[in-house]
Amino acid sequence: MITVKKYPNRRLYDTSKSQYVNLDDIKAMINQHVEFQVLDSKTGADVTKGLLLQIISEQEATDQQSLLTNTLLKQLIRFYDSDQQAFVRQYLEQSLTHFLEQQGAIETLMKQMVSAGPMGIFNEMMAKNMQFWNPGDKHKP
């Protein structure tokens, strides 16, 4: 678990690398599935959620990269302070986890289809032909 310290001047310091980082660096850590925690440098309080929300907010600022529509955001806001808040949080987390698992399974299936399809077979034949015609190759039939 990497600890990132957030200073009052809004600077972020990655203690594992002993260097300052920015939001793009934090986003790269997220995309690489690196576990980290952001702590306030003075109080030691965990401010990870605030930083994650800042990244989402900046991404959502442009409609081209937006995942959250105005309608969806309004619906989410309505769940705050309701009896269903805990249920919705759990549902959203489980749904996204399931979606990512399915996405991984589909990617694996697509890779298998491509390698077993005509182009995969063609590539395999070309590799065997290259081995045959390579004068230094000891694996000739």
C-alpha atoms as a PDB file:
ATOM      1  CA  MET A   1       0.000   0.000   0.000  1.00  0.00           C
ATOM      2  CA  ILE A   2       1.542   3.258  -1.135  1.00  0.00           C
ATOM      3  CA  THR A   3       1.054   6.302   1.061  1.00  0.00           C
ATOM      4  CA  VAL A   4       0.591   9.653  -0.636  1.00  0.00           C
ATOM      5  CA  LYS A   5       0.659  12.733   1.586  1.00  0.00           C
ATOM      6  CA  LYS A   6      -1.472  15.727   0.716  1.00  0.00           C
ATOM      7  CA  TYR A   7      -0.052  19.042   1.870  1.00  0.00           C
ATOM      8  CA  PRO A   8      -1.989  22.260   2.605  1.00  0.00           C
ATOM      9  CA  ASN A   9      -0.705  23.777  -0.632  1.00  0.00           C
ATOM     10  CA  ARG A  10      -2.547  20.900  -2.409  1.00  0.00           C
ATOM     11  CA  ARG A  11       0.711  19.217  -3.383  1.00  0.00           C
ATOM     12  CA  LEU A  12       0.828  15.429  -3.305  1.00  0.00           C
ATOM     13  CA  TYR A  13       3.913  13.507  -2.161  1.00  0.00           C
ATOM     14  CA  ASP A  14       4.421   9.811  -2.987  1.00  0.00           C
ATOM     15  CA  THR A  15       6.342   8.460  -0.003  1.00  0.00           C
ATOM     16  CA  SER A  16       7.324   5.256  -1.834  1.00  0.00           C
ATOM     17  CA  LYS A  17       9.220   7.193  -4.501  1.00  0.00           C
ATOM     18  CA  SER A  18      10.122  10.231  -2.386  1.00  0.00           C
ATOM     19  CA  GLN A  19       8.776  12.612  -4.998  1.00  0.00           C
ATOM     20  CA  TYR A  20       5.889  14.933  -5.651  1.00  0.00           C
ATOM     21  CA  VAL A  21       3.132  13.645  -7.919  1.00  0.00           C
ATOM     22  CA  ASN A  22       0.103  15.161  -9.614  1.00  0.00           C
ATOM     23  CA  LEU A  23      -3.423  13.965 -10.362  1.00  0.00           C
ATOM     24  CA  ASP A  24      -2.288  12.389 -13.631  1.00  0.00           C
ATOM     25  CA  ASP A  25       0.222  10.291 -11.680  1.00  0.00           C
ATOM     26  CA  ILE A  26      -2.521   9.230  -9.258  1.00  0.00           C
ATOM     27  CA  LYS A  27      -4.780   8.353 -12.189  1.00  0.00           C
ATOM     28  CA  ALA A  28      -1.969   6.245 -13.690  1.00  0.00           C
ATOM     29  CA  MET A  29      -1.620   4.409 -10.356  1.00  0.00           C
ATOM     30  CA  ILE A  30      -5.355   3.690 -10.438  1.00  0.00           C
ATOM     31  CA  ASN A  31      -5.186   2.395 -14.013  1.00  0.00           C
ATOM     32  CA  GLN A  32      -2.264   0.150 -13.038  1.00  0.00           C
ATOM     33  CA  HIS A  33      -4.265  -1.209 -10.071  1.00  0.00           C
ATOM     34  CA  VAL A  34      -1.733   0.137  -7.565  1.00  0.00           C
ATOM     35  CA  GLU A  35      -3.198   0.319  -4.068  1.00  0.00           C
ATOM     36  CA  PHE A  36      -2.631   3.660  -2.364  1.00  0.00           C
ATOM     37  CA  GLN A  37      -3.930   5.822   0.417  1.00  0.00           C
ATOM     38  CA  VAL A  38      -3.891   9.614   0.568  1.00  0.00           C
ATOM     39  CA  LEU A  39      -3.305  11.101   4.009  1.00  0.00           C
ATOM     40  CA  ASP A  40      -3.510  14.707   5.130  1.00  0.00           C
ATOM     41  CA  SER A  41       0.055  15.698   6.020  1.00  0.00           C
ATOM     42  CA  LYS A  42      -0.936  17.586   9.192  1.00  0.00           C
ATOM     43  CA  THR A  43      -3.721  15.455  10.681  1.00  0.00           C
ATOM     44  CA  GLY A  44      -3.001  12.056   9.167  1.00  0.00           C
ATOM     45  CA  ALA A  45      -6.676  11.814   8.174  1.00  0.00           C
ATOM     46  CA  ASP A  46      -7.528   9.634   5.195  1.00  0.00           C
ATOM     47  CA  VAL A  47      -8.487  11.996   2.338  1.00  0.00           C
ATOM     48  CA  THR A  48      -8.394   9.383  -0.429  1.00  0.00           C
ATOM     49  CA  LYS A  49     -12.099   9.669  -1.274  1.00  0.00           C
ATOM     50  CA  GLY A  50     -11.845  13.445  -1.712  1.00  0.00           C
ATOM     51  CA  LEU A  51      -8.938  13.056  -4.119  1.00  0.00           C
ATOM     52  CA  LEU A  52     -10.747  10.337  -6.085  1.00  0.00           C
ATOM     53  CA  LEU A  53     -13.811  12.575  -6.333  1.00  0.00           C
ATOM     54  CA  GLN A  54     -11.562  15.400  -7.572  1.00  0.00           C
ATOM     55  CA  ILE A  55     -10.238  13.148 -10.350  1.00  0.00           C
ATOM     56  CA  ILE A  56     -13.779  12.127 -11.317  1.00  0.00           C
ATOM     57  CA  SER A  57     -14.926  15.749 -11.216  1.00  0.00           C
ATOM     58  CA  GLU A  58     -12.147  16.832 -13.567  1.00  0.00           C
ATOM     59  CA  GLN A  59     -12.869  13.936 -15.935  1.00  0.00           C
ATOM     60  CA  GLU A  60     -16.585  14.758 -15.903  1.00  0.00           C
ATOM     61  CA  ALA A  61     -15.944  18.433 -16.691  1.00  0.00           C
ATOM     62  CA  THR A  62     -15.767  17.639 -20.399  1.00  0.00           C
ATOM     63  CA  ASP A  63     -18.768  16.012 -22.047  1.00  0.00           C
ATOM     64  CA  GLN A  64     -16.485  13.981 -24.318  1.00  0.00           C
ATOM     65  CA  GLN A  65     -15.126  11.916 -21.408  1.00  0.00           C
ATOM     66  CA  SER A  66     -18.221  11.963 -19.233  1.00  0.00           C
ATOM     67  CA  LEU A  67     -19.557   8.699 -17.770  1.00  0.00           C
ATOM     68  CA  LEU A  68     -22.113  10.259 -15.468  1.00  0.00           C
ATOM     69  CA  THR A  69     -25.087  11.976 -17.079  1.00  0.00           C
ATOM     70  CA  ASN A  70     -26.972  14.749 -15.307  1.00  0.00           C
ATOM     71  CA  THR A  71     -29.920  12.394 -14.874  1.00  0.00           C
ATOM     72  CA  LEU A  72     -27.736   9.731 -13.258  1.00  0.00           C
ATOM     73  CA  LEU A  73     -26.106  12.265 -10.940  1.00  0.00           C
ATOM     74  CA  LYS A  74     -29.507  13.579  -9.831  1.00  0.00           C
ATOM     75  CA  GLN A  75     -30.685  10.046  -9.138  1.00  0.00           C
ATOM     76  CA  LEU A  76     -27.568   9.318  -7.077  1.00  0.00           C
ATOM     77  CA  ILE A  77     -28.034  12.528  -5.069  1.00  0.00           C
ATOM     78  CA  ARG A  78     -31.613  11.492  -4.263  1.00  0.00           C
ATOM     79  CA  PHE A  79     -30.298   8.322  -2.581  1.00  0.00           C
ATOM     80  CA  TYR A  80     -28.245  10.288  -0.031  1.00  0.00           C
ATOM     81  CA  ASP A  81     -29.964  10.388   3.360  1.00  0.00           C
ATOM     82  CA  SER A  82     -32.482   7.762   2.239  1.00  0.00           C
ATOM     83  CA  ASP A  83     -33.114   4.335   3.691  1.00  0.00           C
ATOM     84  CA  GLN A  84     -31.719   2.791   0.522  1.00  0.00           C
ATOM     85  CA  GLN A  85     -28.315   4.522   0.586  1.00  0.00           C
ATOM     86  CA  ALA A  86     -26.397   1.481   1.890  1.00  0.00           C
ATOM     87  CA  PHE A  87     -28.224  -0.829  -0.507  1.00  0.00           C
ATOM     88  CA  VAL A  88     -27.469   1.403  -3.516  1.00  0.00           C
ATOM     89  CA  ARG A  89     -23.782   1.686  -2.561  1.00  0.00           C
ATOM     90  CA  GLN A  90     -23.477  -2.097  -2.325  1.00  0.00           C
ATOM     91  CA  TYR A  91     -25.487  -2.635  -5.513  1.00  0.00           C
ATOM     92  CA  LEU A  92     -23.354  -0.195  -7.531  1.00  0.00           C
ATOM     93  CA  GLU A  93     -20.100  -1.691  -6.282  1.00  0.00           C
ATOM     94  CA  GLN A  94     -21.196  -5.276  -6.980  1.00  0.00           C
ATOM     95  CA  SER A  95     -22.623  -4.338 -10.383  1.00  0.00           C
ATOM     96  CA  LEU A  96     -19.392  -2.673 -11.468  1.00  0.00           C
ATOM     97  CA  THR A  97     -17.328  -5.604 -10.197  1.00  0.00           C
ATOM     98  CA  HIS A  98     -19.540  -8.023 -12.137  1.00  0.00           C
ATOM     99  CA  PHE A  99     -19.317  -5.826 -15.245  1.00  0.00           C
ATOM    100  CA  LEU A 100     -15.500  -5.823 -15.072  1.00  0.00           C
ATOM    101  CA  GLU A 101     -15.419  -9.613 -14.638  1.00  0.00           C
ATOM    102  CA  GLN A 102     -17.663 -10.046 -17.678  1.00  0.00           C
ATOM    103  CA  GLN A 103     -15.535  -7.599 -19.653  1.00  0.00           C
ATOM    104  CA  GLY A 104     -12.431  -9.681 -18.856  1.00  0.00           C
ATOM    105  CA  ALA A 105     -14.196 -12.890 -19.909  1.00  0.00           C
ATOM    106  CA  ILE A 106     -15.326 -11.313 -23.192  1.00  0.00           C
ATOM    107  CA  GLU A 107     -11.801 -10.049 -23.927  1.00  0.00           C
ATOM    108  CA  THR A 108     -10.404 -13.547 -23.335  1.00  0.00           C
ATOM    109  CA  LEU A 109     -13.063 -15.074 -25.572  1.00  0.00           C
ATOM    110  CA  MET A 110     -12.343 -12.542 -28.342  1.00  0.00           C
ATOM    111  CA  LYS A 111      -8.604 -13.294 -28.187  1.00  0.00           C
ATOM    112  CA  GLN A 112      -9.336 -17.019 -28.480  1.00  0.00           C
ATOM    113  CA  MET A 113     -11.664 -16.419 -31.430  1.00  0.00           C
ATOM    114  CA  VAL A 114      -9.082 -14.289 -33.233  1.00  0.00           C
ATOM    115  CA  SER A 115      -6.308 -16.852 -32.722  1.00  0.00           C
ATOM    116  CA  ALA A 116      -8.594 -19.712 -33.820  1.00  0.00           C
ATOM    117  CA  GLY A 117     -10.109 -17.761 -36.719  1.00  0.00           C
ATOM    118  CA  PRO A 118      -8.822 -17.457 -40.285  1.00  0.00           C
ATOM    119  CA  MET A 119      -6.286 -14.734 -39.450  1.00  0.00           C
ATOM    120  CA  GLY A 120      -4.900 -16.744 -36.532  1.00  0.00           C
ATOM    121  CA  ILE A 121      -4.537 -19.834 -38.700  1.00  0.00           C
ATOM    122  CA  PHE A 122      -2.967 -17.743 -41.480  1.00  0.00           C
ATOM    123  CA  ASN A 123      -0.457 -16.237 -39.029  1.00  0.00           C
ATOM    124  CA  GLU A 124       0.442 -19.700 -37.761  1.00  0.00           C
ATOM    125  CA  MET A 125       0.987 -20.976 -41.332  1.00  0.00           C
ATOM    126  CA  MET A 126       3.170 -17.958 -42.121  1.00  0.00           C
ATOM    127  CA  ALA A 127       5.290 -18.595 -39.023  1.00  0.00           C
ATOM    128  CA  LYS A 128       5.781 -22.242 -40.035  1.00  0.00           C
ATOM    129  CA  ASN A 129       6.691 -21.196 -43.588  1.00  0.00           C
ATOM    130  CA  MET A 130       9.210 -18.687 -42.241  1.00  0.00           C
ATOM    131  CA  GLN A 131      10.785 -21.439 -40.140  1.00  0.00           C
ATOM    132  CA  PHE A 132      11.011 -23.699 -43.189  1.00  0.00           C
ATOM    133  CA  TRP A 133      12.685 -21.091 -45.379  1.00  0.00           C
ATOM    134  CA  ASN A 134      15.022 -19.746 -42.696  1.00  0.00           C
ATOM    135  CA  PRO A 135      18.434 -21.259 -43.652  1.00  0.00           C
ATOM    136  CA  GLY A 136      19.741 -21.314 -40.049  1.00  0.00           C
ATOM    137  CA  ASP A 137      16.667 -22.967 -38.575  1.00  0.00           C
ATOM    138  CA  LYS A 138      17.247 -26.487 -37.285  1.00  0.00           C
ATOM    139  CA  HIS A 139      13.512 -27.277 -37.089  1.00  0.00           C
ATOM    140  CA  LYS A 140      12.947 -27.881 -40.809  1.00  0.00           C
ATOM    141  CA  PRO A 141      10.777 -30.886 -41.656  1.00  0.00           C
END
